[in-house]
Each structure stands twice: as structure tokens, then as C-alpha cells.
Amino acid sequence: MKTIHVFHDIHQLYAEFIENKNYPKLESLSNWGKNRFFFNQHFRMIEDWHHTEQIVIEFNNQFYSLDTGTAPDFMDKEKYMEWLSVELLSQQVQ
């Protein structure tokens, strides 16, 4: 697993994830499924919450709770990356 230190790394991993033909067809997954599959590939996830739309990930030794119910379409790169950026920045510890 590649160590993710900055948000730019997430952009790169997202692009690679979308382009990789080795994954199951992403179109067959729900938006929640796409989010969960992506985060599970690249982040440590808190599994206790897997039954809800909340996905808790660890990024730079900090935990983030992402409400994938508010996420735009995972395949819409610009809107999705903007949403993810806002989610991560709004939860950063000062």
C-alpha cells in the first residue's frame, strides 16, 4: 500500500483506481460501494461502521468520518475530489 501524505497523493490514487482494468467493473457498484472499495484499497478503515454510509478512514495519523451519502457521483472526478477535499479539510485538527 502506498503511503499517502498529501491530498495530491489521493488525486493520483483516484486516477489510477478509475483507470485500472484489474478492478471489478466499477459501474456495477453503488456509489457507496465505489467509495468503500476505493478507501479500503488505500486507507486504514474502521470496520465497525461498515453498515452505514459513514466511512471512517485514517489519513496522516488522523481519523476522518466521511458521509458517503452526501458524496457526489464517485465517477465525476472534479465534483468528487472537491467534496473529498472539503470533507478532509473541515475535519483537520488545528
Protein backbone atom coordinates (compact mmCIF):
# COMPACT_ATOMS: atom_id res chain seq x y z
CA MET A 1 0.00 0.00 0.00
CA LYS A 2 1.36 3.39 -0.97
CA THR A 3 1.77 5.80 1.93
CA ILE A 4 -0.44 8.84 1.46
CA HIS A 5 0.91 12.07 2.90
CA VAL A 6 -0.80 14.85 0.97
CA PHE A 7 -4.11 15.36 -0.79
CA HIS A 8 -2.34 15.31 -4.16
CA ASP A 9 -1.48 11.65 -3.50
CA ILE A 10 -5.21 10.94 -3.17
CA HIS A 11 -5.82 12.57 -6.57
CA GLN A 12 -3.20 10.28 -8.11
CA LEU A 13 -4.56 7.15 -6.44
CA TYR A 14 -8.10 8.08 -7.51
CA ALA A 15 -6.99 8.47 -11.15
CA GLU A 16 -5.15 5.14 -11.05
CA PHE A 17 -8.16 3.46 -9.42
CA ILE A 18 -10.55 4.72 -12.10
CA GLU A 19 -8.20 3.72 -14.95
CA ASN A 20 -7.19 0.29 -13.60
CA LYS A 21 -8.83 -2.50 -15.55
CA ASN A 22 -7.97 -5.10 -12.87
CA TYR A 23 -10.75 -3.98 -10.54
CA PRO A 24 -14.29 -5.29 -10.96
CA LYS A 25 -16.43 -3.14 -13.17
CA LEU A 26 -16.98 -0.03 -11.06
CA GLU A 27 -20.21 0.68 -12.94
CA SER A 28 -21.77 -2.36 -11.26
CA LEU A 29 -21.17 -0.93 -7.77
CA SER A 30 -23.34 1.61 -5.97
CA ASN A 31 -21.82 4.99 -5.14
CA TRP A 32 -21.29 3.74 -1.56
CA GLY A 33 -19.66 0.58 -2.92
CA LYS A 34 -17.26 2.56 -5.09
CA ASN A 35 -16.30 4.77 -2.14
CA ARG A 36 -15.82 1.83 0.18
CA PHE A 37 -13.82 -0.15 -2.37
CA PHE A 38 -11.54 2.84 -3.08
CA PHE A 39 -10.94 3.73 0.57
CA ASN A 40 -10.43 0.10 1.52
CA GLN A 41 -7.68 -0.17 -1.12
CA HIS A 42 -5.72 2.87 0.07
CA PHE A 43 -6.57 3.72 3.69
CA ARG A 44 -6.91 2.05 7.04
CA MET A 45 -10.65 1.87 7.65
CA ILE A 46 -12.59 1.49 10.88
CA GLU A 47 -14.68 -1.57 10.09
CA ASP A 48 -17.24 -1.20 12.89
CA TRP A 49 -19.16 1.34 10.85
CA HIS A 50 -19.35 -0.55 7.56
CA HIS A 51 -23.13 -0.95 7.69
CA THR A 52 -23.84 2.78 7.34
CA GLU A 53 -22.98 5.42 4.76
CA GLN A 54 -20.31 6.67 7.19
CA ILE A 55 -16.81 5.58 6.24
CA VAL A 56 -14.07 6.28 8.78
CA ILE A 57 -10.55 6.38 7.37
CA GLU A 58 -7.12 7.14 8.76
CA PHE A 59 -5.08 9.72 6.84
CA ASN A 60 -1.82 11.15 8.21
CA ASN A 61 -2.42 9.63 11.66
CA GLN A 62 -5.80 11.31 11.94
CA PHE A 63 -9.26 9.78 11.59
CA TYR A 64 -11.87 11.21 9.26
CA SER A 65 -15.55 10.32 9.16
CA LEU A 66 -16.86 10.64 5.62
CA ASP A 67 -20.59 10.67 4.97
CA THR A 68 -20.72 8.98 1.58
CA GLY A 69 -24.46 9.68 1.50
CA THR A 70 -23.56 13.28 0.69
CA ALA A 71 -20.85 12.36 -1.81
CA PRO A 72 -21.36 13.22 -5.46
CA ASP A 73 -21.08 10.51 -8.09
CA PHE A 74 -17.74 8.77 -7.49
CA MET A 75 -17.01 8.75 -11.23
CA ASP A 76 -17.36 12.57 -11.52
CA LYS A 77 -13.73 13.38 -10.76
CA GLU A 78 -14.00 17.17 -10.33
CA LYS A 79 -17.05 17.13 -8.07
CA TYR A 80 -15.86 14.09 -6.14
CA MET A 81 -12.37 15.45 -5.45
CA GLU A 82 -13.85 18.80 -4.40
CA TRP A 83 -16.22 17.03 -1.98
CA LEU A 84 -13.42 14.88 -0.56
CA SER A 85 -11.13 17.87 -0.13
CA VAL A 86 -13.82 19.80 1.77
CA GLU A 87 -14.57 16.76 3.95
CA LEU A 88 -10.91 16.26 4.87
CA LEU A 89 -10.10 19.94 5.40
CA SER A 90 -13.18 20.57 7.54
CA GLN A 91 -12.13 17.84 9.96
CA GLN A 92 -8.45 18.72 10.26
CA VAL A 93 -7.18 19.26 13.78
CA GLN A 94 -5.75 22.75 14.09
